[in-house]
C-alpha atoms as a PDB file:
ATOM      1  CA  MET A   1      -3.445 -18.775  -6.376  1.00  0.00           C
ATOM      2  CA  ARG A   2      -2.033 -22.229  -6.811  1.00  0.00           C
ATOM      3  CA  ARG A   3       0.726 -20.747  -9.193  1.00  0.00           C
ATOM      4  CA  ALA A   4       1.622 -18.046  -6.665  1.00  0.00           C
ATOM      5  CA  LEU A   5       1.999 -20.655  -3.930  1.00  0.00           C
ATOM      6  CA  GLN A   6       4.136 -22.814  -6.110  1.00  0.00           C
ATOM      7  CA  THR A   7       6.361 -19.796  -6.770  1.00  0.00           C
ATOM      8  CA  ALA A   8       6.690 -18.907  -3.167  1.00  0.00           C
ATOM      9  CA  ALA A   9       7.460 -22.384  -1.961  1.00  0.00           C
ATOM     10  CA  PRO A  10      11.186 -22.608  -2.809  1.00  0.00           C
ATOM     11  CA  LEU A  11      11.933 -19.264  -1.312  1.00  0.00           C
ATOM     12  CA  ALA A  12      10.024 -20.003   1.824  1.00  0.00           C
ATOM     13  CA  ALA A  13      11.758 -23.500   2.095  1.00  0.00           C
ATOM     14  CA  THR A  14      15.181 -22.068   1.694  1.00  0.00           C
ATOM     15  CA  HIS A  15      14.697 -19.495   4.431  1.00  0.00           C
ATOM     16  CA  GLY A  16      12.609 -21.620   6.689  1.00  0.00           C
ATOM     17  CA  LEU A  17       9.616 -19.289   6.519  1.00  0.00           C
ATOM     18  CA  PRO A  18       5.867 -19.912   6.578  1.00  0.00           C
ATOM     19  CA  ILE A  19       3.827 -18.909   3.512  1.00  0.00           C
ATOM     20  CA  ARG A  20       0.881 -16.704   4.474  1.00  0.00           C
ATOM     21  CA  ILE A  21      -1.972 -16.005   2.228  1.00  0.00           C
ATOM     22  CA  GLU A  22      -3.046 -12.312   2.197  1.00  0.00           C
ATOM     23  CA  ASP A  23      -6.678 -12.318   0.843  1.00  0.00           C
ATOM     24  CA  ASP A  24      -6.411  -8.541  -0.060  1.00  0.00           C
ATOM     25  CA  LEU A  25      -3.570  -9.413  -2.360  1.00  0.00           C
ATOM     26  CA  ALA A  26      -5.771 -11.700  -4.538  1.00  0.00           C
ATOM     27  CA  GLU A  27      -6.010 -10.928  -8.113  1.00  0.00           C
ATOM     28  CA  PHE A  28      -8.827  -8.806  -9.495  1.00  0.00           C
ATOM     29  CA  ASP A  29     -10.442 -11.879 -11.151  1.00  0.00           C
ATOM     30  CA  ARG A  30     -10.321 -13.914  -7.927  1.00  0.00           C
ATOM     31  CA  ASP A  31     -14.048 -14.589  -7.926  1.00  0.00           C
ATOM     32  CA  ALA A  32     -14.103 -15.909 -11.485  1.00  0.00           C
ATOM     33  CA  PRO A  33     -15.201 -19.548 -11.702  1.00  0.00           C
ATOM     34  CA  PHE A  34     -11.953 -20.417 -13.861  1.00  0.00           C
ATOM     35  CA  TYR A  35      -8.781 -18.894 -14.888  1.00  0.00           C
ATOM     36  CA  ILE A  36      -8.013 -17.844 -18.487  1.00  0.00           C
ATOM     37  CA  PRO A  37      -4.490 -16.336 -19.091  1.00  0.00           C
ATOM     38  CA  LEU A  38      -4.576 -12.829 -20.388  1.00  0.00           C
ATOM     39  CA  GLU A  39      -2.362 -13.913 -23.324  1.00  0.00           C
ATOM     40  CA  GLU A  40      -5.183 -16.320 -24.349  1.00  0.00           C
ATOM     41  CA  LEU A  41      -7.831 -13.566 -23.926  1.00  0.00           C
ATOM     42  CA  ARG A  42      -5.715 -11.197 -25.982  1.00  0.00           C
ATOM     43  CA  ARG A  43      -5.097 -13.811 -28.846  1.00  0.00           C
ATOM     44  CA  SER A  44      -8.847 -14.423 -29.238  1.00  0.00           C
ATOM     45  CA  ASP A  45      -9.871 -10.771 -28.908  1.00  0.00           C
ATOM     46  CA  ASP A  46     -12.054 -11.803 -25.970  1.00  0.00           C
ATOM     47  CA  PRO A  47     -14.464  -9.054 -24.913  1.00  0.00           C
ATOM     48  CA  ARG A  48     -13.174  -9.152 -21.321  1.00  0.00           C
ATOM     49  CA  PHE A  49      -9.635  -8.314 -22.510  1.00  0.00           C
ATOM     50  CA  LEU A  50     -10.889  -5.595 -24.868  1.00  0.00           C
ATOM     51  CA  ALA A  51     -12.830  -4.133 -21.916  1.00  0.00           C
ATOM     52  CA  LEU A  52      -9.601  -4.019 -19.810  1.00  0.00           C
ATOM     53  CA  LEU A  53      -7.876  -2.182 -22.613  1.00  0.00           C
ATOM     54  CA  ARG A  54     -10.569   0.405 -22.532  1.00  0.00           C
ATOM     55  CA  GLY A  55     -10.114   0.808 -18.822  1.00  0.00           C
ATOM     56  CA  GLU A  56     -13.447  -1.074 -18.015  1.00  0.00           C
ATOM     57  CA  PHE A  57     -13.390  -3.463 -15.289  1.00  0.00           C
ATOM     58  CA  SER A  58     -15.932  -6.059 -14.055  1.00  0.00           C
ATOM     59  CA  GLY A  59     -14.222  -7.013 -10.651  1.00  0.00           C
ATOM     60  CA  THR A  60     -15.936  -7.353  -7.289  1.00  0.00           C
ATOM     61  CA  ASP A  61     -13.863  -4.804  -5.447  1.00  0.00           C
ATOM     62  CA  GLY A  62     -15.895  -1.946  -3.971  1.00  0.00           C
ATOM     63  CA  ASP A  63     -17.534  -0.183  -6.784  1.00  0.00           C
ATOM     64  CA  GLY A  64     -16.138  -2.633  -9.339  1.00  0.00           C
ATOM     65  CA  THR A  65     -13.481  -0.329 -10.781  1.00  0.00           C
ATOM     66  CA  LEU A  66      -9.726  -0.821 -11.192  1.00  0.00           C
ATOM     67  CA  GLN A  67      -9.309   2.031  -8.764  1.00  0.00           C
ATOM     68  CA  ALA A  68     -11.158   0.075  -5.933  1.00  0.00           C
ATOM     69  CA  PHE A  69      -9.058  -2.942  -6.732  1.00  0.00           C
ATOM     70  CA  GLN A  70      -5.902  -0.719  -6.516  1.00  0.00           C
ATOM     71  CA  ALA A  71      -7.031   0.811  -3.219  1.00  0.00           C
ATOM     72  CA  ARG A  72      -7.458  -2.719  -1.686  1.00  0.00           C
ATOM     73  CA  VAL A  73      -3.961  -3.743  -2.908  1.00  0.00           C
ATOM     74  CA  VAL A  74      -2.245  -0.567  -1.775  1.00  0.00           C
ATOM     75  CA  THR A  75      -3.832  -0.658   1.681  1.00  0.00           C
ATOM     76  CA  ALA A  76      -2.885  -4.346   2.027  1.00  0.00           C
ATOM     77  CA  ILE A  77       0.754  -3.853   0.962  1.00  0.00           C
ATOM     78  CA  GLU A  78       1.198  -0.721   3.042  1.00  0.00           C
ATOM     79  CA  GLY A  79      -0.249  -2.625   6.038  1.00  0.00           C
ATOM     80  CA  LEU A  80       2.361  -5.372   5.470  1.00  0.00           C
ATOM     81  CA  VAL A  81       5.208  -2.721   5.206  1.00  0.00           C
ATOM     82  CA  LYS A  82       4.113  -1.189   8.427  1.00  0.00           C
ATOM     83  CA  ALA A  83       3.791  -4.578  10.186  1.00  0.00           C
ATOM     84  CA  HIS A  84       7.232  -5.603   9.102  1.00  0.00           C
ATOM     85  CA  ARG A  85       9.093  -2.346   9.571  1.00  0.00           C
ATOM     86  CA  GLY A  86      12.887  -2.656   9.200  1.00  0.00           C
ATOM     87  CA  ASN A  87      12.589  -6.171   7.617  1.00  0.00           C
ATOM     88  CA  ARG A  88      12.493  -7.402   4.057  1.00  0.00           C
ATOM     89  CA  ILE A  89       9.365  -9.015   2.934  1.00  0.00           C
ATOM     90  CA  ALA A  90       8.600 -11.033  -0.248  1.00  0.00           C
ATOM     91  CA  LEU A  91       5.229 -10.795  -1.685  1.00  0.00           C
ATOM     92  CA  VAL A  92       4.314 -13.284  -4.507  1.00  0.00           C
ATOM     93  CA  CYS A  93       1.328 -12.205  -6.484  1.00  0.00           C
ATOM     94  CA  HIS A  94      -0.032 -11.941  -9.995  1.00  0.00           C
ATOM     95  CA  ALA A  95       0.453  -9.060 -12.537  1.00  0.00           C
ATOM     96  CA  GLY A  96      -2.706  -7.090 -11.657  1.00  0.00           C
ATOM     97  CA  VAL A  97      -1.680  -6.855  -7.994  1.00  0.00           C
ATOM     98  CA  LEU A  98       1.820  -5.926  -8.873  1.00  0.00           C
ATOM     99  CA  LEU A  99       0.771  -3.291 -11.386  1.00  0.00           C
ATOM    100  CA  ALA A 100      -1.715  -1.789  -9.107  1.00  0.00           C
ATOM    101  CA  TYR A 101       0.880  -1.106  -6.486  1.00  0.00           C
ATOM    102  CA  LEU A 102       3.612  -0.005  -8.954  1.00  0.00           C
ATOM    103  CA  SER A 103       1.292   2.408 -10.706  1.00  0.00           C
ATOM    104  CA  HIS A 104       0.212   3.841  -7.413  1.00  0.00           C
ATOM    105  CA  ILE A 105       3.929   4.596  -6.507  1.00  0.00           C
ATOM    106  CA  LEU A 106       4.583   6.011  -9.921  1.00  0.00           C
ATOM    107  CA  GLY A 107       1.436   8.111  -9.883  1.00  0.00           C
ATOM    108  CA  ILE A 108       0.270   6.516 -13.090  1.00  0.00           C
ATOM    109  CA  SER A 109      -3.359   6.679 -13.755  1.00  0.00           C
ATOM    110  CA  GLU A 110      -3.397   3.582 -16.058  1.00  0.00           C
ATOM    111  CA  VAL A 111      -3.190   0.731 -13.588  1.00  0.00           C
ATOM    112  CA  LEU A 112      -2.305  -2.006 -16.050  1.00  0.00           C
ATOM    113  CA  PHE A 113       0.489   0.003 -17.709  1.00  0.00           C
ATOM    114  CA  PHE A 114       2.684  -2.915 -18.809  1.00  0.00           C
ATOM    115  CA  ARG A 115       2.895  -6.729 -19.180  1.00  0.00           C
ATOM    116  CA  PRO A 116       5.434  -8.121 -16.718  1.00  0.00           C
ATOM    117  CA  GLU A 117       7.240 -11.361 -17.396  1.00  0.00           C
ATOM    118  CA  TYR A 118       6.091 -14.458 -15.599  1.00  0.00           C
ATOM    119  CA  THR A 119       7.966 -14.948 -12.352  1.00  0.00           C
ATOM    120  CA  SER A 120       9.758 -11.626 -12.753  1.00  0.00           C
ATOM    121  CA  ILE A 121      11.115  -9.839  -9.820  1.00  0.00           C
ATOM    122  CA  HIS A 122      10.207  -6.197  -8.695  1.00  0.00           C
ATOM    123  CA  ARG A 123      11.807  -4.550  -5.846  1.00  0.00           C
ATOM    124  CA  VAL A 124      10.374  -1.616  -3.889  1.00  0.00           C
ATOM    125  CA  LEU A 125      12.263   0.174  -1.077  1.00  0.00           C
ATOM    126  CA  ALA A 126      10.009   1.473   1.644  1.00  0.00           C
ATOM    127  CA  SER A 127      11.175   4.017   4.235  1.00  0.00           C
ATOM    128  CA  SER A 128       9.522   4.360   7.619  1.00  0.00           C
ATOM    129  CA  GLU A 129       8.721   8.038   6.647  1.00  0.00           C
ATOM    130  CA  GLY A 130       6.483   6.761   3.915  1.00  0.00           C
ATOM    131  CA  ARG A 131       8.696   7.259   0.910  1.00  0.00           C
ATOM    132  CA  ARG A 132       8.622   4.546  -1.693  1.00  0.00           C
ATOM    133  CA  GLU A 133      11.292   3.907  -4.452  1.00  0.00           C
ATOM    134  CA  ILE A 134      11.219   1.387  -7.151  1.00  0.00           C
ATOM    135  CA  ALA A 135      14.633  -0.294  -7.191  1.00  0.00           C
ATOM    136  CA  THR A 136      13.866  -2.663 -10.128  1.00  0.00           C
ATOM    137  CA  ILE A 137      10.966  -3.539 -12.309  1.00  0.00           C
ATOM    138  CA  ASN A 138      10.553  -6.737 -14.377  1.00  0.00           C
ATOM    139  CA  GLU A 139      13.902  -8.459 -13.523  1.00  0.00           C
ATOM    140  CA  ALA A 140      13.944 -11.781 -15.405  1.00  0.00           C
ATOM    141  CA  CYS A 141      17.607 -12.674 -15.814  1.00  0.00           C
ATOM    142  CA  HIS A 142      17.017 -15.661 -13.507  1.00  0.00           C
ATOM    143  CA  LEU A 143      14.786 -17.093 -16.303  1.00  0.00           C
ATOM    144  CA  SER A 144      17.560 -17.506 -18.739  1.00  0.00           C
ATOM    145  CA  SER A 145      20.634 -19.682 -18.653  1.00  0.00           C
ATOM    146  CA  VAL A 146      24.112 -18.302 -18.004  1.00  0.00           C
ATOM    147  CA  ASP A 147      25.009 -19.008 -21.655  1.00  0.00           C
ATOM    148  CA  ASP A 148      22.099 -16.885 -22.756  1.00  0.00           C
ATOM    149  CA  ARG A 149      23.246 -13.944 -20.654  1.00  0.00           C
ATOM    150  CA  VAL A 150      26.860 -14.307 -21.779  1.00  0.00           C
ATOM    151  CA  ASP A 151      25.740 -14.431 -25.490  1.00  0.00           C
ATOM    152  CA  SER A 152      23.545 -11.258 -24.803  1.00  0.00           C
ATOM    153  CA  LEU A 153      26.559  -9.441 -23.325  1.00  0.00           C
ATOM    154  CA  ARG A 154      28.754 -10.337 -26.224  1.00  0.00           C
ATOM    155  CA  ARG A 155      26.320  -8.960 -28.726  1.00  0.00           C
ATOM    156  CA  SER A 156      25.840  -5.723 -26.901  1.00  0.00           C
END
C-alpha cells in the first residue's frame, strides 16, 4: 500500500487532488503479515508462487479463490466508474488488482495472465452504456530516458 501511495502522490499533487484509499482495491495478499515481491517468490520456487501458477489461491476474499478476489475488484472499479461518470479517474494499484480487472474486460479465465511492468500505465475507456475498451496495456515508455527511446526507434 505504501508503494501505491508513493506512486499516486506526484499525480495528486500536480492536479491538486486528494488521494483516497479504496479498501476493495487492495491486493489479494493484503492480509499477509509481510510483503514478498513475486519476483523473489519466483526465483526461489516458493510454494506460494507455484500454487498461483497452478491457479490455486489462499487469499481471504469470499471463498478464497481468485474469482472471489476478481469479483471484489470488478465491483469496486465499476462503482468508481459509475460514481465519476463523465470524468477521468486514476487508480493506482498493484498487479493483481489490475490483472483482475483487465482479464474480466477481456473475458480471460486466467486472472494473472501476464506480468506488468512496475509503474506501468494501463488505460480503460468506460462508456455510460457499460462498454469497456482497453486503450493501452503496460505502457512503460515513461520509465526510460529520451535517449533510450530515440535509440530504440533508430534500431527499428
